[in-house]
C-alpha atoms as a PDB file:
ATOM      1  CA  MET A   1      35.476  97.085  96.368  1.00  0.00           C
ATOM      2  CA  SER A   2      36.427  93.509  97.339  1.00  0.00           C
ATOM      3  CA  ILE A   3      39.233  93.529  99.829  1.00  0.00           C
ATOM      4  CA  ASN A   4      40.622  90.397  98.136  1.00  0.00           C
ATOM      5  CA  SER A   5      40.723  92.039  94.747  1.00  0.00           C
ATOM      6  CA  GLY A   6      44.421  92.644  94.946  1.00  0.00           C
ATOM      7  CA  LYS A   7      44.099  96.460  95.267  1.00  0.00           C
ATOM      8  CA  PRO A   8      45.594  98.192  98.253  1.00  0.00           C
ATOM      9  CA  ILE A   9      43.303  98.431 101.276  1.00  0.00           C
ATOM     10  CA  THR A  10      42.957 101.764 102.914  1.00  0.00           C
ATOM     11  CA  GLU A  11      40.817 102.050 105.997  1.00  0.00           C
ATOM     12  CA  ALA A  12      39.419 105.413 105.027  1.00  0.00           C
ATOM     13  CA  ALA A  13      38.106 103.947 101.789  1.00  0.00           C
ATOM     14  CA  THR A  14      36.627 100.711 103.134  1.00  0.00           C
ATOM     15  CA  GLY A  15      33.081 101.056 104.374  1.00  0.00           C
ATOM     16  CA  VAL A  16      31.692  98.681 106.989  1.00  0.00           C
ATOM     17  CA  SER A  17      28.041  97.698 107.587  1.00  0.00           C
ATOM     18  CA  VAL A  18      27.586  96.416 111.171  1.00  0.00           C
ATOM     19  CA  VAL A  19      24.581  94.092 111.284  1.00  0.00           C
ATOM     20  CA  LEU A  20      22.653  93.095 114.484  1.00  0.00           C
ATOM     21  CA  PRO A  21      19.713  90.769 114.772  1.00  0.00           C
ATOM     22  CA  ILE A  22      17.704  92.258 117.673  1.00  0.00           C
ATOM     23  CA  LEU A  23      15.072  90.522 120.001  1.00  0.00           C
ATOM     24  CA  ASN A  24      14.372  91.447 123.584  1.00  0.00           C
ATOM     25  CA  GLU A  25      17.639  93.250 124.148  1.00  0.00           C
ATOM     26  CA  GLU A  26      16.575  96.318 126.195  1.00  0.00           C
ATOM     27  CA  ARG A  27      19.137  95.674 128.865  1.00  0.00           C
ATOM     28  CA  PHE A  28      22.209  95.918 126.585  1.00  0.00           C
ATOM     29  CA  LEU A  29      21.114  97.356 123.207  1.00  0.00           C
ATOM     30  CA  GLU A  30      22.113 100.980 123.833  1.00  0.00           C
ATOM     31  CA  ASP A  31      25.620  99.989 125.250  1.00  0.00           C
ATOM     32  CA  SER A  32      26.068  97.635 122.266  1.00  0.00           C
ATOM     33  CA  VAL A  33      25.275 100.282 119.615  1.00  0.00           C
ATOM     34  CA  SER A  34      27.240 103.006 121.519  1.00  0.00           C
ATOM     35  CA  ALA A  35      30.277 100.738 121.357  1.00  0.00           C
ATOM     36  CA  ILE A  36      29.920 100.385 117.545  1.00  0.00           C
ATOM     37  CA  LEU A  37      29.420 104.160 116.972  1.00  0.00           C
ATOM     38  CA  ALA A  38      32.498 104.915 119.167  1.00  0.00           C
ATOM     39  CA  GLN A  39      34.823 102.821 116.944  1.00  0.00           C
ATOM     40  CA  LYS A  40      38.278 104.265 116.213  1.00  0.00           C
ATOM     41  CA  TYR A  41      37.689 103.649 112.502  1.00  0.00           C
ATOM     42  CA  LEU A  42      38.431 106.099 109.707  1.00  0.00           C
ATOM     43  CA  GLY A  43      36.209 104.649 107.036  1.00  0.00           C
ATOM     44  CA  PRO A  44      32.408 105.112 106.635  1.00  0.00           C
ATOM     45  CA  LEU A  45      30.184 103.066 109.018  1.00  0.00           C
ATOM     46  CA  GLU A  46      26.554 102.109 109.206  1.00  0.00           C
ATOM     47  CA  VAL A  47      24.672 100.125 111.882  1.00  0.00           C
ATOM     48  CA  ILE A  48      21.719  98.009 110.649  1.00  0.00           C
ATOM     49  CA  LEU A  49      19.415  96.664 113.352  1.00  0.00           C
ATOM     50  CA  ALA A  50      17.075  93.878 112.256  1.00  0.00           C
ATOM     51  CA  LEU A  51      14.156  94.311 114.677  1.00  0.00           C
ATOM     52  CA  GLY A  52      12.332  91.177 115.725  1.00  0.00           C
ATOM     53  CA  PRO A  53       8.975  91.065 117.573  1.00  0.00           C
ATOM     54  CA  SER A  54      10.355  92.019 121.011  1.00  0.00           C
ATOM     55  CA  THR A  55       8.084  91.859 124.042  1.00  0.00           C
ATOM     56  CA  ASP A  56      10.115  94.447 125.997  1.00  0.00           C
ATOM     57  CA  ASN A  57      11.193  98.058 125.129  1.00  0.00           C
ATOM     58  CA  THR A  58      13.882  97.038 122.604  1.00  0.00           C
ATOM     59  CA  ASN A  59      12.303  98.434 119.484  1.00  0.00           C
ATOM     60  CA  GLU A  60      11.402 101.708 121.204  1.00  0.00           C
ATOM     61  CA  ILE A  61      15.057 101.996 122.247  1.00  0.00           C
ATOM     62  CA  ALA A  62      16.194 101.206 118.763  1.00  0.00           C
ATOM     63  CA  ARG A  63      13.874 103.840 117.162  1.00  0.00           C
ATOM     64  CA  ASN A  64      15.149 106.459 119.621  1.00  0.00           C
ATOM     65  CA  LEU A  65      18.803 105.621 118.816  1.00  0.00           C
ATOM     66  CA  ALA A  66      18.070 105.793 115.034  1.00  0.00           C
ATOM     67  CA  SER A  67      16.411 109.199 115.456  1.00  0.00           C
ATOM     68  CA  LYS A  68      19.620 110.626 116.896  1.00  0.00           C
ATOM     69  CA  ASP A  69      22.167 109.165 114.454  1.00  0.00           C
ATOM     70  CA  PRO A  70      21.637 108.756 110.612  1.00  0.00           C
ATOM     71  CA  ARG A  71      24.106 105.950 110.571  1.00  0.00           C
ATOM     72  CA  ILE A  72      21.646 103.660 112.312  1.00  0.00           C
ATOM     73  CA  VAL A  73      19.223 101.897 109.942  1.00  0.00           C
ATOM     74  CA  LEU A  74      16.239  99.821 111.057  1.00  0.00           C
ATOM     75  CA  VAL A  75      14.844  96.944 109.137  1.00  0.00           C
ATOM     76  CA  GLU A  76      11.998  94.638 110.119  1.00  0.00           C
ATOM     77  CA  ASN A  77      12.442  90.987 110.960  1.00  0.00           C
ATOM     78  CA  SER A  78       8.945  89.748 111.813  1.00  0.00           C
ATOM     79  CA  THR A  79      10.132  86.164 112.224  1.00  0.00           C
ATOM     80  CA  GLY A  80      12.426  87.003 115.087  1.00  0.00           C
ATOM     81  CA  ARG A  81      14.931  84.316 113.806  1.00  0.00           C
ATOM     82  CA  THR A  82      18.574  85.317 114.033  1.00  0.00           C
ATOM     83  CA  ALA A  83      19.594  83.977 110.634  1.00  0.00           C
ATOM     84  CA  THR A  84      16.638  85.773 108.900  1.00  0.00           C
ATOM     85  CA  GLY A  85      17.373  88.977 110.634  1.00  0.00           C
ATOM     86  CA  LEU A  86      21.001  88.835 109.637  1.00  0.00           C
ATOM     87  CA  ASN A  87      20.254  88.109 105.992  1.00  0.00           C
ATOM     88  CA  ARG A  88      17.788  90.915 105.878  1.00  0.00           C
ATOM     89  CA  ALA A  89      20.254  93.358 107.400  1.00  0.00           C
ATOM     90  CA  ILE A  90      23.003  92.236 104.977  1.00  0.00           C
ATOM     91  CA  SER A  91      20.607  92.756 102.047  1.00  0.00           C
ATOM     92  CA  HIS A  92      20.287  96.388 103.095  1.00  0.00           C
ATOM     93  CA  ALA A  93      24.070  96.810 103.668  1.00  0.00           C
ATOM     94  CA  LYS A  94      25.687  99.346 101.395  1.00  0.00           C
ATOM     95  CA  TYR A  95      29.335  98.642 102.148  1.00  0.00           C
ATOM     96  CA  SER A  96      31.671  95.782 101.152  1.00  0.00           C
ATOM     97  CA  ILE A  97      32.473  94.640 104.704  1.00  0.00           C
ATOM     98  CA  ILE A  98      29.984  93.063 106.973  1.00  0.00           C
ATOM     99  CA  CYS A  99      30.579  93.114 110.779  1.00  0.00           C
ATOM    100  CA  ARG A 100      28.186  90.833 112.657  1.00  0.00           C
ATOM    101  CA  ILE A 101      27.427  91.738 116.258  1.00  0.00           C
ATOM    102  CA  ASP A 102      24.760  90.700 118.778  1.00  0.00           C
ATOM    103  CA  GLY A 103      22.539  93.192 120.705  1.00  0.00           C
ATOM    104  CA  HIS A 104      23.958  91.923 124.052  1.00  0.00           C
ATOM    105  CA  ALA A 105      27.580  92.223 122.977  1.00  0.00           C
ATOM    106  CA  GLU A 106      30.073  95.123 123.046  1.00  0.00           C
ATOM    107  CA  ILE A 107      33.131  95.410 120.783  1.00  0.00           C
ATOM    108  CA  SER A 108      36.414  96.934 121.841  1.00  0.00           C
ATOM    109  CA  PRO A 109      37.215 100.389 120.423  1.00  0.00           C
ATOM    110  CA  THR A 110      39.606  99.139 117.705  1.00  0.00           C
ATOM    111  CA  TYR A 111      37.668  96.024 116.807  1.00  0.00           C
ATOM    112  CA  ILE A 112      36.610  96.996 113.268  1.00  0.00           C
ATOM    113  CA  SER A 113      39.845  98.734 112.342  1.00  0.00           C
ATOM    114  CA  HIS A 114      41.957  95.746 113.493  1.00  0.00           C
ATOM    115  CA  ALA A 115      39.552  93.249 111.837  1.00  0.00           C
ATOM    116  CA  VAL A 116      39.767  95.065 108.461  1.00  0.00           C
ATOM    117  CA  ALA A 117      43.538  95.135 108.741  1.00  0.00           C
ATOM    118  CA  VAL A 118      43.739  91.411 109.532  1.00  0.00           C
ATOM    119  CA  MET A 119      41.449  90.614 106.593  1.00  0.00           C
ATOM    120  CA  GLY A 120      43.774  92.486 104.300  1.00  0.00           C
ATOM    121  CA  GLN A 121      46.910  90.771 105.663  1.00  0.00           C
ATOM    122  CA  THR A 122      45.426  87.145 105.742  1.00  0.00           C
ATOM    123  CA  GLN A 123      43.070  87.183 102.778  1.00  0.00           C
ATOM    124  CA  ALA A 124      40.497  85.561 105.166  1.00  0.00           C
ATOM    125  CA  VAL A 125      36.823  85.696 104.340  1.00  0.00           C
ATOM    126  CA  ASN A 126      35.915  85.833 108.030  1.00  0.00           C
ATOM    127  CA  VAL A 127      37.852  87.292 110.958  1.00  0.00           C
ATOM    128  CA  GLY A 128      36.766  86.895 114.538  1.00  0.00           C
ATOM    129  CA  GLY A 129      38.149  86.871 118.057  1.00  0.00           C
ATOM    130  CA  VAL A 130      37.504  86.129 121.638  1.00  0.00           C
ATOM    131  CA  MET A 131      33.989  85.876 123.207  1.00  0.00           C
ATOM    132  CA  ASN A 132      34.900  87.651 126.418  1.00  0.00           C
ATOM    133  CA  ALA A 133      32.090  86.724 128.783  1.00  0.00           C
ATOM    134  CA  ILE A 134      31.609  89.254 131.565  1.00  0.00           C
ATOM    135  CA  GLY A 135      28.776  89.067 134.172  1.00  0.00           C
ATOM    136  CA  GLN A 136      27.052  91.848 136.086  1.00  0.00           C
ATOM    137  CA  ASN A 137      26.274  89.942 139.194  1.00  0.00           C
ATOM    138  CA  ILE A 138      27.562  86.793 141.142  1.00  0.00           C
ATOM    139  CA  PHE A 139      25.567  84.238 139.038  1.00  0.00           C
ATOM    140  CA  GLU A 140      26.540  85.809 135.658  1.00  0.00           C
ATOM    141  CA  ASN A 141      30.169  86.089 136.779  1.00  0.00           C
ATOM    142  CA  SER A 142      30.101  82.291 137.538  1.00  0.00           C
ATOM    143  CA  VAL A 143      28.705  81.603 134.173  1.00  0.00           C
ATOM    144  CA  ALA A 144      31.301  83.808 132.559  1.00  0.00           C
ATOM    145  CA  THR A 145      34.086  81.943 134.374  1.00  0.00           C
ATOM    146  CA  ALA A 146      32.717  78.626 133.175  1.00  0.00           C
ATOM    147  CA  MET A 147      32.472  79.956 129.623  1.00  0.00           C
ATOM    148  CA  ARG A 148      36.050  81.052 129.611  1.00  0.00           C
ATOM    149  CA  SER A 149      37.285  77.616 130.864  1.00  0.00           C
ATOM    150  CA  PRO A 150      38.022  74.452 128.981  1.00  0.00           C
ATOM    151  CA  LEU A 151      36.146  72.771 131.931  1.00  0.00           C
ATOM    152  CA  GLY A 152      32.949  74.500 130.768  1.00  0.00           C
ATOM    153  CA  VAL A 153      33.271  74.764 126.946  1.00  0.00           C
ATOM    154  CA  GLY A 154      36.219  72.577 125.893  1.00  0.00           C
ATOM    155  CA  ALA A 155      39.271  73.921 123.975  1.00  0.00           C
ATOM    156  CA  SER A 156      37.532  76.296 121.676  1.00  0.00           C
ATOM    157  CA  ARG A 157      39.889  79.219 120.967  1.00  0.00           C
ATOM    158  CA  PHE A 158      37.079  81.810 120.744  1.00  0.00           C
ATOM    159  CA  HIS A 159      36.114  80.948 124.296  1.00  0.00           C
ATOM    160  CA  ILE A 160      39.432  80.497 126.035  1.00  0.00           C
ATOM    161  CA  GLY A 161      41.824  82.358 123.632  1.00  0.00           C
ATOM    162  CA  GLY A 162      44.977  81.098 121.865  1.00  0.00           C
ATOM    163  CA  LYS A 163      47.290  81.827 119.067  1.00  0.00           C
ATOM    164  CA  ALA A 164      46.101  83.744 115.894  1.00  0.00           C
ATOM    165  CA  GLY A 165      45.556  81.511 112.856  1.00  0.00           C
ATOM    166  CA  PRO A 166      43.100  79.547 110.695  1.00  0.00           C
ATOM    167  CA  THR A 167      40.294  77.891 112.536  1.00  0.00           C
ATOM    168  CA  ASP A 168      36.943  76.219 111.986  1.00  0.00           C
ATOM    169  CA  THR A 169      34.752  78.868 113.405  1.00  0.00           C
ATOM    170  CA  VAL A 170      34.919  82.228 115.271  1.00  0.00           C
ATOM    171  CA  TYR A 171      32.598  84.169 117.495  1.00  0.00           C
ATOM    172  CA  LEU A 172      30.422  86.527 115.277  1.00  0.00           C
ATOM    173  CA  GLY A 173      33.030  87.805 112.735  1.00  0.00           C
ATOM    174  CA  VAL A 174      33.831  90.369 110.076  1.00  0.00           C
ATOM    175  CA  PHE A 175      33.161  89.181 106.617  1.00  0.00           C
ATOM    176  CA  GLU A 176      33.644  90.082 102.961  1.00  0.00           C
ATOM    177  CA  LYS A 177      30.033  90.758 101.743  1.00  0.00           C
ATOM    178  CA  SER A 178      30.553  89.187  98.252  1.00  0.00           C
ATOM    179  CA  LYS A 179      31.759  85.909  99.840  1.00  0.00           C
ATOM    180  CA  LEU A 180      28.799  85.821 102.129  1.00  0.00           C
ATOM    181  CA  GLU A 181      26.502  86.272  99.138  1.00  0.00           C
ATOM    182  CA  LYS A 182      28.412  83.648  97.112  1.00  0.00           C
ATOM    183  CA  VAL A 183      27.628  80.907  99.604  1.00  0.00           C
ATOM    184  CA  GLY A 184      23.933  82.073 100.148  1.00  0.00           C
ATOM    185  CA  GLY A 185      24.295  83.877 103.387  1.00  0.00           C
ATOM    186  CA  TYR A 186      23.105  82.462 106.607  1.00  0.00           C
ATOM    187  CA  ASP A 187      20.927  79.278 106.466  1.00  0.00           C
ATOM    188  CA  GLU A 188      17.576  80.431 107.741  1.00  0.00           C
ATOM    189  CA  ARG A 189      16.604  76.883 108.651  1.00  0.00           C
ATOM    190  CA  PHE A 190      18.965  77.062 111.656  1.00  0.00           C
ATOM    191  CA  THR A 191      17.715  78.655 114.810  1.00  0.00           C
ATOM    192  CA  ARG A 192      21.003  78.080 116.488  1.00  0.00           C
ATOM    193  CA  ALA A 193      24.540  77.199 115.255  1.00  0.00           C
ATOM    194  CA  GLN A 194      24.030  79.357 112.225  1.00  0.00           C
ATOM    195  CA  ASP A 195      27.471  80.860 112.592  1.00  0.00           C
ATOM    196  CA  TRP A 196      29.308  77.516 112.731  1.00  0.00           C
ATOM    197  CA  GLU A 197      27.215  76.262 109.781  1.00  0.00           C
ATOM    198  CA  LEU A 198      28.074  79.344 107.692  1.00  0.00           C
ATOM    199  CA  ASN A 199      31.740  79.122 108.487  1.00  0.00           C
ATOM    200  CA  PHE A 200      31.674  75.496 107.402  1.00  0.00           C
ATOM    201  CA  ARG A 201      30.246  76.475 103.987  1.00  0.00           C
ATOM    202  CA  LEU A 202      32.757  79.288 103.655  1.00  0.00           C
ATOM    203  CA  ARG A 203      35.580  76.864 104.327  1.00  0.00           C
ATOM    204  CA  GLN A 204      34.090  74.353 101.826  1.00  0.00           C
ATOM    205  CA  ASP A 205      34.180  77.155  99.254  1.00  0.00           C
ATOM    206  CA  GLY A 206      37.941  77.613  99.857  1.00  0.00           C
ATOM    207  CA  GLY A 207      37.778  80.446 102.344  1.00  0.00           C
ATOM    208  CA  ILE A 208      39.882  81.017 105.385  1.00  0.00           C
ATOM    209  CA  ILE A 209      38.276  81.652 108.777  1.00  0.00           C
ATOM    210  CA  TRP A 210      40.805  83.491 110.887  1.00  0.00           C
ATOM    211  CA  PHE A 211      40.985  83.745 114.720  1.00  0.00           C
ATOM    212  CA  ASP A 212      42.731  86.644 116.248  1.00  0.00           C
ATOM    213  CA  PRO A 213      42.905  86.987 120.120  1.00  0.00           C
ATOM    214  CA  ASP A 214      43.250  90.766 119.918  1.00  0.00           C
ATOM    215  CA  LEU A 215      39.625  91.040 118.655  1.00  0.00           C
ATOM    216  CA  VAL A 216      37.656  91.146 121.929  1.00  0.00           C
ATOM    217  CA  VAL A 217      33.835  91.147 122.112  1.00  0.00           C
ATOM    218  CA  THR A 218      32.161  91.455 125.540  1.00  0.00           C
ATOM    219  CA  TYR A 219      29.354  88.912 125.896  1.00  0.00           C
ATOM    220  CA  ARG A 220      26.702  89.028 128.638  1.00  0.00           C
ATOM    221  CA  PRO A 221      25.796  85.630 130.079  1.00  0.00           C
ATOM    222  CA  ARG A 222      22.298  84.371 130.815  1.00  0.00           C
ATOM    223  CA  PRO A 223      20.916  85.781 134.052  1.00  0.00           C
ATOM    224  CA  ASN A 224      19.730  82.477 135.773  1.00  0.00           C
ATOM    225  CA  LEU A 225      19.929  78.663 135.698  1.00  0.00           C
ATOM    226  CA  ARG A 226      16.714  78.216 133.789  1.00  0.00           C
ATOM    227  CA  ALA A 227      17.809  80.512 130.985  1.00  0.00           C
ATOM    228  CA  LEU A 228      21.245  78.946 130.946  1.00  0.00           C
ATOM    229  CA  ALA A 229      19.732  75.483 130.663  1.00  0.00           C
ATOM    230  CA  LYS A 230      17.528  76.479 127.810  1.00  0.00           C
ATOM    231  CA  GLN A 231      20.469  78.185 125.970  1.00  0.00           C
ATOM    232  CA  TYR A 232      22.747  75.101 126.172  1.00  0.00           C
ATOM    233  CA  PHE A 233      19.830  72.637 125.427  1.00  0.00           C
ATOM    234  CA  GLU A 234      19.285  74.628 122.209  1.00  0.00           C
ATOM    235  CA  TYR A 235      23.036  74.641 121.546  1.00  0.00           C
ATOM    236  CA  GLY A 236      23.137  70.841 121.801  1.00  0.00           C
ATOM    237  CA  ARG A 237      20.016  70.346 119.627  1.00  0.00           C
ATOM    238  CA  TRP A 238      21.215  72.528 116.764  1.00  0.00           C
ATOM    239  CA  ARG A 239      24.904  71.327 116.921  1.00  0.00           C
ATOM    240  CA  ARG A 240      23.424  67.785 116.250  1.00  0.00           C
ATOM    241  CA  ALA A 241      21.509  69.193 113.332  1.00  0.00           C
ATOM    242  CA  VAL A 242      24.724  70.645 111.870  1.00  0.00           C
ATOM    243  CA  THR A 243      26.429  67.217 112.149  1.00  0.00           C
ATOM    244  CA  ARG A 244      23.484  65.588 110.271  1.00  0.00           C
ATOM    245  CA  ASN A 245      23.623  68.155 107.436  1.00  0.00           C
ATOM    246  CA  HIS A 246      27.357  68.251 107.201  1.00  0.00           C
ATOM    247  CA  LYS A 247      28.788  64.719 107.623  1.00  0.00           C
ATOM    248  CA  GLY A 248      32.274  64.425 109.336  1.00  0.00           C
ATOM    249  CA  THR A 249      31.868  67.664 111.370  1.00  0.00           C
ATOM    250  CA  VAL A 250      31.444  66.029 114.805  1.00  0.00           C
ATOM    251  CA  ASN A 251      34.376  65.857 117.189  1.00  0.00           C
ATOM    252  CA  PHE A 252      35.091  64.865 120.685  1.00  0.00           C
ATOM    253  CA  ARG A 253      34.362  68.253 122.164  1.00  0.00           C
ATOM    254  CA  TYR A 254      30.748  67.956 120.871  1.00  0.00           C
ATOM    255  CA  LEU A 255      30.381  64.339 121.992  1.00  0.00           C
ATOM    256  CA  ALA A 256      31.743  64.878 125.460  1.00  0.00           C
ATOM    257  CA  PRO A 257      28.516  66.273 127.042  1.00  0.00           C
ATOM    258  CA  PRO A 258      26.066  63.568 125.697  1.00  0.00           C
ATOM    259  CA  VAL A 259      28.528  60.790 126.625  1.00  0.00           C
ATOM    260  CA  THR A 260      28.922  62.266 130.133  1.00  0.00           C
ATOM    261  CA  LEU A 261      25.164  62.544 130.503  1.00  0.00           C
ATOM    262  CA  ILE A 262      24.582  58.970 129.386  1.00  0.00           C
ATOM    263  CA  ALA A 263      27.415  57.681 131.683  1.00  0.00           C
ATOM    264  CA  CYS A 264      25.942  59.547 134.700  1.00  0.00           C
ATOM    265  CA  LEU A 265      22.382  58.368 134.090  1.00  0.00           C
ATOM    266  CA  LEU A 266      23.498  54.772 133.645  1.00  0.00           C
ATOM    267  CA  SER A 267      25.448  55.126 136.781  1.00  0.00           C
ATOM    268  CA  LEU A 268      22.500  56.454 138.750  1.00  0.00           C
ATOM    269  CA  ILE A 269      20.162  53.744 137.510  1.00  0.00           C
ATOM    270  CA  ALA A 270      22.722  50.804 137.994  1.00  0.00           C
ATOM    271  CA  GLY A 271      23.640  52.184 141.460  1.00  0.00           C
ATOM    272  CA  SER A 272      20.031  52.329 142.496  1.00  0.00           C
ATOM    273  CA  PHE A 273      19.296  48.697 141.471  1.00  0.00           C
ATOM    274  CA  PHE A 274      22.600  46.773 141.553  1.00  0.00           C
ATOM    275  CA  GLY A 275      24.646  48.263 144.332  1.00  0.00           C
ATOM    276  CA  SER A 276      26.586  51.426 145.401  1.00  0.00           C
ATOM    277  CA  LEU A 277      29.667  50.397 143.363  1.00  0.00           C
ATOM    278  CA  TYR A 278      27.904  51.428 140.205  1.00  0.00           C
ATOM    279  CA  PHE A 279      27.546  55.042 141.571  1.00  0.00           C
ATOM    280  CA  LEU A 280      31.295  55.525 141.015  1.00  0.00           C
ATOM    281  CA  PRO A 281      31.103  57.089 137.495  1.00  0.00           C
ATOM    282  CA  LEU A 282      28.456  59.628 138.749  1.00  0.00           C
ATOM    283  CA  ALA A 283      30.489  60.300 141.963  1.00  0.00           C
ATOM    284  CA  GLY A 284      33.651  60.756 139.748  1.00  0.00           C
ATOM    285  CA  TYR A 285      31.872  63.424 137.617  1.00  0.00           C
ATOM    286  CA  LEU A 286      30.509  65.216 140.591  1.00  0.00           C
ATOM    287  CA  LEU A 287      33.921  65.101 142.391  1.00  0.00           C
ATOM    288  CA  GLY A 288      35.679  66.397 139.199  1.00  0.00           C
ATOM    289  CA  ASN A 289      33.070  69.082 138.807  1.00  0.00           C
ATOM    290  CA  LEU A 290      33.509  70.211 142.420  1.00  0.00           C
ATOM    291  CA  LEU A 291      37.343  70.184 142.370  1.00  0.00           C
ATOM    292  CA  GLY A 292      37.336  71.966 139.004  1.00  0.00           C
ATOM    293  CA  SER A 293      35.023  74.657 140.283  1.00  0.00           C
ATOM    294  CA  ILE A 294      37.366  75.240 143.293  1.00  0.00           C
ATOM    295  CA  VAL A 295      40.326  75.551 140.837  1.00  0.00           C
ATOM    296  CA  ILE A 296      38.656  78.049 138.299  1.00  0.00           C
ATOM    297  CA  GLY A 297      36.385  79.911 140.634  1.00  0.00           C
ATOM    298  CA  LYS A 298      37.718  83.415 141.291  1.00  0.00           C
ATOM    299  CA  THR A 299      35.752  84.128 144.515  1.00  0.00           C
ATOM    300  CA  PRO A 300      34.354  81.984 147.330  1.00  0.00           C
ATOM    301  CA  MET A 301      30.799  82.602 145.858  1.00  0.00           C
ATOM    302  CA  GLU A 302      31.852  81.535 142.455  1.00  0.00           C
ATOM    303  CA  LYS A 303      33.399  78.301 143.816  1.00  0.00           C
ATOM    304  CA  LEU A 304      30.026  77.576 145.469  1.00  0.00           C
ATOM    305  CA  MET A 305      27.970  78.378 142.406  1.00  0.00           C
ATOM    306  CA  LEU A 306      30.108  76.827 139.621  1.00  0.00           C
ATOM    307  CA  PRO A 307      29.256  73.166 140.332  1.00  0.00           C
ATOM    308  CA  ALA A 308      25.535  73.766 139.483  1.00  0.00           C
ATOM    309  CA  VAL A 309      26.531  76.103 136.508  1.00  0.00           C
ATOM    310  CA  LEU A 310      28.944  73.544 135.007  1.00  0.00           C
ATOM    311  CA  ALA A 311      26.433  70.660 135.489  1.00  0.00           C
ATOM    312  CA  THR A 312      23.659  72.726 133.854  1.00  0.00           C
ATOM    313  CA  MET A 313      25.833  73.585 130.838  1.00  0.00           C
ATOM    314  CA  HIS A 314      27.090  69.997 130.426  1.00  0.00           C
ATOM    315  CA  PHE A 315      23.782  68.114 130.945  1.00  0.00           C
ATOM    316  CA  SER A 316      21.682  70.561 129.089  1.00  0.00           C
ATOM    317  CA  TRP A 317      23.925  70.542 126.081  1.00  0.00           C
ATOM    318  CA  GLY A 318      24.032  66.733 126.267  1.00  0.00           C
ATOM    319  CA  ALA A 319      20.288  66.322 126.526  1.00  0.00           C
ATOM    320  CA  GLY A 320      19.752  68.678 123.582  1.00  0.00           C
ATOM    321  CA  PHE A 321      22.215  66.734 121.466  1.00  0.00           C
ATOM    322  CA  LEU A 322      20.640  63.354 122.330  1.00  0.00           C
ATOM    323  CA  THR A 323      17.037  64.384 121.729  1.00  0.00           C
ATOM    324  CA  SER A 324      17.553  66.559 118.666  1.00  0.00           C
ATOM    325  CA  PRO A 325      14.907  65.448 116.204  1.00  0.00           C
ATOM    326  CA  LYS A 326      15.902  64.397 112.656  1.00  0.00           C
ATOM    327  CA  ASN A 327      13.428  66.824 111.212  1.00  0.00           C
ATOM    328  CA  LEU A 328      14.739  69.872 113.190  1.00  0.00           C
ATOM    329  CA  VAL A 329      16.125  71.306 109.947  1.00  0.00           C
ATOM    330  CA  ARG A 330      13.660  71.421 107.067  1.00  0.00           C
ATOM    331  CA  GLN A 331      14.962  69.664 103.941  1.00  0.00           C
END
């Protein structure tokens, strides 16, 4: 039953299929699935794991979980690509509501029940909330602090919170399956930014994307600078690809990292050849980075680590955006 059909919505009658694209998630998969199965939700629930070609013990853990609970369904995703895995999981879904979760994320106990209620109240086609980054060591905690701050990620509500209401995109999300199918599901050409790209098409189709700060998802940050740099480089590359495919979708928040990177590089080069005065833009960025880290850091160690974390996020995203090839997305 479509929740936008005009009929009353009752939680006990609304089934939810939770879909997860899984690749190398042995550290967090069991906790992620356990949080889903422990939902305080009255309606029927299934968990569909789209298993990619993991090189760790992820798939063994998934099979063990499935053997213990019939609500867990396994599907193959030989490509390992997130969008492909999501589409395959959705195609196996038997319920009218799709809840998209990652294998390194944990949802709060009332996440699904609250999201279904909000969908009924707002008639939104996708409802999502806060990406609550929480680390497990000093480095990850520093990344989490950066990801929850406008200094690290700009003014995106799903990172830093805000008032409930319509928005351009949300973290993960709970969808109406029929509306997903109407717009063609996730675009499998996109390795990253597939959530933003899908939400753009849902909005173009007349749908409402709704942010609710009471919907909290625990996100686990990358464990080291190298992994963080790779993540944000890919974010930048694929966000540029979205702007090419959907004209008019770029804004200052997305342009800030590449502009900052260019300004700092020009400052470094000009200062090296034409005098120390030209180092001022680079010095201004580094000083602002340092002062900002002191302000947002929660512990002395975070304050020390955050300048490197923030610079890695900013410059990697900017480099990815600037070097994104025009043929990144197959036409």
